[in-house]
C-alpha atoms as a PDB file:
ATOM      1  CA  UNK A   1      10.542 -32.400   8.343  1.00  0.00           C
ATOM      2  CA  UNK A   2       8.946 -28.973   7.924  1.00  0.00           C
ATOM      3  CA  UNK A   3      11.418 -26.097   8.236  1.00  0.00           C
ATOM      4  CA  UNK A   4      10.726 -23.412  10.816  1.00  0.00           C
ATOM      5  CA  UNK A   5       9.877 -20.088   9.211  1.00  0.00           C
ATOM      6  CA  UNK A   6      11.351 -16.946  10.715  1.00  0.00           C
ATOM      7  CA  UNK A   7       8.563 -14.495   9.846  1.00  0.00           C
ATOM      8  CA  UNK A   8      10.458 -11.456  11.118  1.00  0.00           C
ATOM      9  CA  UNK A   9      13.384 -12.312   8.822  1.00  0.00           C
ATOM     10  CA  UNK A  10      10.957 -12.848   5.944  1.00  0.00           C
ATOM     11  CA  UNK A  11       9.240  -9.461   6.435  1.00  0.00           C
ATOM     12  CA  UNK A  12      12.593  -7.684   6.749  1.00  0.00           C
ATOM     13  CA  UNK A  13      14.114  -9.385   3.691  1.00  0.00           C
ATOM     14  CA  UNK A  14      11.223  -9.082   1.258  1.00  0.00           C
ATOM     15  CA  UNK A  15      11.543  -6.462  -1.486  1.00  0.00           C
ATOM     16  CA  UNK A  16       7.961  -5.197  -1.183  1.00  0.00           C
ATOM     17  CA  UNK A  17       6.840  -2.827   1.542  1.00  0.00           C
ATOM     18  CA  UNK A  18       4.964  -4.571   4.345  1.00  0.00           C
ATOM     19  CA  UNK A  19       2.856  -2.239   6.465  1.00  0.00           C
ATOM     20  CA  UNK A  20       0.547  -3.318   9.268  1.00  0.00           C
ATOM     21  CA  UNK A  21      -1.942  -0.951  10.842  1.00  0.00           C
ATOM     22  CA  UNK A  22      -4.108  -1.522  13.889  1.00  0.00           C
ATOM     23  CA  UNK A  23      -7.888  -1.117  14.148  1.00  0.00           C
ATOM     24  CA  UNK A  24      -7.545   2.669  14.451  1.00  0.00           C
ATOM     25  CA  UNK A  25      -5.207   2.950  11.441  1.00  0.00           C
ATOM     26  CA  UNK A  26      -1.979   3.490  13.386  1.00  0.00           C
ATOM     27  CA  UNK A  27       1.093   1.867  11.843  1.00  0.00           C
ATOM     28  CA  UNK A  28       2.377  -1.071  13.917  1.00  0.00           C
ATOM     29  CA  UNK A  29       4.810  -2.649  11.438  1.00  0.00           C
ATOM     30  CA  UNK A  30       6.999  -0.864   8.873  1.00  0.00           C
ATOM     31  CA  UNK A  31       9.598  -3.026   7.150  1.00  0.00           C
ATOM     32  CA  UNK A  32      12.901  -1.891   5.540  1.00  0.00           C
ATOM     33  CA  UNK A  33      11.323  -1.938   2.061  1.00  0.00           C
ATOM     34  CA  UNK A  34       8.645   0.518   3.286  1.00  0.00           C
ATOM     35  CA  UNK A  35      11.449   2.793   4.473  1.00  0.00           C
ATOM     36  CA  UNK A  36      13.196   2.590   1.083  1.00  0.00           C
ATOM     37  CA  UNK A  37       9.945   3.177  -0.778  1.00  0.00           C
ATOM     38  CA  UNK A  38       8.424   5.991   1.267  1.00  0.00           C
ATOM     39  CA  UNK A  39      11.500   7.540   2.952  1.00  0.00           C
ATOM     40  CA  UNK A  40      10.216   7.385   6.523  1.00  0.00           C
ATOM     41  CA  UNK A  41      12.313   5.428   9.015  1.00  0.00           C
ATOM     42  CA  UNK A  42      10.670   2.788  11.134  1.00  0.00           C
ATOM     43  CA  UNK A  43      10.810   5.061  14.189  1.00  0.00           C
ATOM     44  CA  UNK A  44       9.177   7.898  12.209  1.00  0.00           C
ATOM     45  CA  UNK A  45       6.364   5.645  10.932  1.00  0.00           C
ATOM     46  CA  UNK A  46       5.467   3.434  13.901  1.00  0.00           C
ATOM     47  CA  UNK A  47       2.465   4.757  15.787  1.00  0.00           C
ATOM     48  CA  UNK A  48       1.643   7.265  13.052  1.00  0.00           C
ATOM     49  CA  UNK A  49      -1.539   7.339  11.000  1.00  0.00           C
ATOM     50  CA  UNK A  50      -1.588   5.872   7.502  1.00  0.00           C
ATOM     51  CA  UNK A  51      -2.134   9.490   6.412  1.00  0.00           C
ATOM     52  CA  UNK A  52       1.675   9.496   6.292  1.00  0.00           C
ATOM     53  CA  UNK A  53       1.493   7.998   2.779  1.00  0.00           C
ATOM     54  CA  UNK A  54      -2.079   8.804   1.662  1.00  0.00           C
ATOM     55  CA  UNK A  55      -2.526  11.900  -0.502  1.00  0.00           C
ATOM     56  CA  UNK A  56      -4.683  14.435   1.334  1.00  0.00           C
ATOM     57  CA  UNK A  57      -7.418  14.427  -1.343  1.00  0.00           C
ATOM     58  CA  UNK A  58      -7.931  10.658  -0.886  1.00  0.00           C
ATOM     59  CA  UNK A  59      -7.924  10.440   2.908  1.00  0.00           C
ATOM     60  CA  UNK A  60     -11.683  10.799   3.446  1.00  0.00           C
ATOM     61  CA  UNK A  61     -12.501   7.970   1.052  1.00  0.00           C
ATOM     62  CA  UNK A  62      -9.722   5.801   2.489  1.00  0.00           C
ATOM     63  CA  UNK A  63     -10.888   6.223   6.082  1.00  0.00           C
ATOM     64  CA  UNK A  64     -14.539   5.609   5.181  1.00  0.00           C
ATOM     65  CA  UNK A  65     -13.534   2.232   3.745  1.00  0.00           C
ATOM     66  CA  UNK A  66     -11.068   1.453   6.531  1.00  0.00           C
ATOM     67  CA  UNK A  67     -13.584   2.092   9.325  1.00  0.00           C
ATOM     68  CA  UNK A  68     -16.281   0.137   7.472  1.00  0.00           C
ATOM     69  CA  UNK A  69     -13.884  -2.807   7.174  1.00  0.00           C
ATOM     70  CA  UNK A  70     -13.054  -2.641  10.888  1.00  0.00           C
ATOM     71  CA  UNK A  71     -16.757  -2.483  11.791  1.00  0.00           C
ATOM     72  CA  UNK A  72     -17.888  -5.326   9.516  1.00  0.00           C
ATOM     73  CA  UNK A  73     -14.781  -7.524   9.479  1.00  0.00           C
ATOM     74  CA  UNK A  74     -15.050  -7.693   5.704  1.00  0.00           C
ATOM     75  CA  UNK A  75     -13.174  -6.111   2.827  1.00  0.00           C
ATOM     76  CA  UNK A  76     -14.109  -6.253  -0.811  1.00  0.00           C
ATOM     77  CA  UNK A  77     -10.418  -5.956  -1.697  1.00  0.00           C
ATOM     78  CA  UNK A  78      -9.169  -9.177  -0.119  1.00  0.00           C
ATOM     79  CA  UNK A  79      -7.869 -10.712  -3.349  1.00  0.00           C
ATOM     80  CA  UNK A  80      -7.650  -7.684  -5.620  1.00  0.00           C
ATOM     81  CA  UNK A  81      -4.517  -5.818  -6.634  1.00  0.00           C
ATOM     82  CA  UNK A  82      -5.264  -2.203  -5.797  1.00  0.00           C
ATOM     83  CA  UNK A  83      -3.572   0.590  -7.717  1.00  0.00           C
ATOM     84  CA  UNK A  84      -3.687   4.011  -6.076  1.00  0.00           C
ATOM     85  CA  UNK A  85      -1.693   7.212  -5.664  1.00  0.00           C
ATOM     86  CA  UNK A  86       0.526   7.640  -2.607  1.00  0.00           C
ATOM     87  CA  UNK A  87       3.080  10.155  -1.352  1.00  0.00           C
ATOM     88  CA  UNK A  88       6.563   9.750   0.066  1.00  0.00           C
ATOM     89  CA  UNK A  89       8.312  11.677   2.844  1.00  0.00           C
ATOM     90  CA  UNK A  90       9.373  14.434   0.436  1.00  0.00           C
ATOM     91  CA  UNK A  91       5.778  14.840  -0.747  1.00  0.00           C
ATOM     92  CA  UNK A  92       6.561  13.231  -4.128  1.00  0.00           C
ATOM     93  CA  UNK A  93       3.536  11.687  -5.838  1.00  0.00           C
ATOM     94  CA  UNK A  94       3.817   7.938  -6.351  1.00  0.00           C
ATOM     95  CA  UNK A  95       1.772   5.188  -7.983  1.00  0.00           C
ATOM     96  CA  UNK A  96       1.561   2.053  -5.853  1.00  0.00           C
ATOM     97  CA  UNK A  97      -0.002  -1.373  -6.254  1.00  0.00           C
ATOM     98  CA  UNK A  98      -0.884  -3.445  -3.211  1.00  0.00           C
ATOM     99  CA  UNK A  99      -2.891  -6.257  -1.720  1.00  0.00           C
ATOM    100  CA  UNK A 100      -4.449  -6.281   1.732  1.00  0.00           C
ATOM    101  CA  UNK A 101      -5.359  -8.941   4.258  1.00  0.00           C
ATOM    102  CA  UNK A 102      -7.266  -8.726   7.510  1.00  0.00           C
ATOM    103  CA  UNK A 103      -5.475  -9.721  10.713  1.00  0.00           C
ATOM    104  CA  UNK A 104      -7.235 -11.408  13.623  1.00  0.00           C
ATOM    105  CA  UNK A 105      -6.407 -12.183  17.248  1.00  0.00           C
ATOM    106  CA  UNK A 106      -6.360 -15.824  18.414  1.00  0.00           C
ATOM    107  CA  UNK A 107      -9.933 -15.189  19.597  1.00  0.00           C
ATOM    108  CA  UNK A 108     -10.974 -14.172  16.091  1.00  0.00           C
ATOM    109  CA  UNK A 109     -11.250 -10.437  16.773  1.00  0.00           C
ATOM    110  CA  UNK A 110     -10.247  -8.180  13.875  1.00  0.00           C
ATOM    111  CA  UNK A 111      -7.074  -6.410  14.989  1.00  0.00           C
ATOM    112  CA  UNK A 112      -5.754  -4.710  11.866  1.00  0.00           C
ATOM    113  CA  UNK A 113      -4.797  -4.841   8.238  1.00  0.00           C
ATOM    114  CA  UNK A 114      -1.581  -5.775   6.456  1.00  0.00           C
ATOM    115  CA  UNK A 115      -0.719  -4.274   3.084  1.00  0.00           C
ATOM    116  CA  UNK A 116       1.965  -5.612   0.755  1.00  0.00           C
ATOM    117  CA  UNK A 117       2.984  -2.696  -1.465  1.00  0.00           C
ATOM    118  CA  UNK A 118       5.024  -2.274  -4.644  1.00  0.00           C
ATOM    119  CA  UNK A 119       6.109   1.043  -6.163  1.00  0.00           C
ATOM    120  CA  UNK A 120       4.665   1.151  -9.697  1.00  0.00           C
ATOM    121  CA  UNK A 121       5.528   4.808 -10.404  1.00  0.00           C
ATOM    122  CA  UNK A 122       8.049   4.181 -13.209  1.00  0.00           C
ATOM    123  CA  UNK A 123       5.850   1.577 -14.920  1.00  0.00           C
ATOM    124  CA  UNK A 124       2.788   3.839 -14.647  1.00  0.00           C
ATOM    125  CA  UNK A 125       4.703   6.734 -16.233  1.00  0.00           C
ATOM    126  CA  UNK A 126       5.959   4.472 -19.046  1.00  0.00           C
ATOM    127  CA  UNK A 127       2.416   3.248 -19.751  1.00  0.00           C
ATOM    128  CA  UNK A 128       1.108   6.828 -19.774  1.00  0.00           C
ATOM    129  CA  UNK A 129       3.848   7.870 -22.237  1.00  0.00           C
ATOM    130  CA  UNK A 130       3.053   4.888 -24.497  1.00  0.00           C
ATOM    131  CA  UNK A 131      -0.678   5.670 -24.460  1.00  0.00           C
ATOM    132  CA  UNK A 132       0.098   9.297 -25.357  1.00  0.00           C
ATOM    133  CA  UNK A 133       2.389   8.201 -28.206  1.00  0.00           C
ATOM    134  CA  UNK A 134      -0.240   5.791 -29.560  1.00  0.00           C
ATOM    135  CA  UNK A 135      -2.861   8.566 -29.488  1.00  0.00           C
ATOM    136  CA  UNK A 136      -0.469  10.889 -31.358  1.00  0.00           C
ATOM    137  CA  UNK A 137       0.241   8.250 -34.009  1.00  0.00           C
ATOM    138  CA  UNK A 138      -3.466   7.430 -34.417  1.00  0.00           C
ATOM    139  CA  UNK A 139      -4.219  11.152 -34.833  1.00  0.00           C
ATOM    140  CA  UNK A 140      -1.620  11.357 -37.635  1.00  0.00           C
ATOM    141  CA  UNK A 141      -3.121   8.331 -39.405  1.00  0.00           C
ATOM    142  CA  UNK A 142      -6.642   9.784 -39.133  1.00  0.00           C
ATOM    143  CA  UNK A 143      -5.515  13.217 -40.416  1.00  0.00           C
END
């Protein structure tokens, strides 16, 4: 017997942020992990543009790709782990890693995109510090 899956419970329990946006880029799903990660409550995020978490300098490029995906029904990022900057409610810079999937209506029409997001800020900062330390040590050896 196959167990019934409660998808709402799954999305609310998962530790990664789950964000769904419609064809225009308005947020239609914002799980508790997204609230913890970005600081916006569900009521603050729902209906808002994804610009809520996209750094201003990256918005043009993001929307070019988003609208192209909506127009063509294809994304080149379907199986890739994307690593990009983001911002939280306080304006704090973050490093996030995420995957995306296209969502379709029962009739096959593209209706939106889901992103599963993890905050990689601490790991990114640790890697940057290690790279800096390695460069310093290599410079000493070469001197």
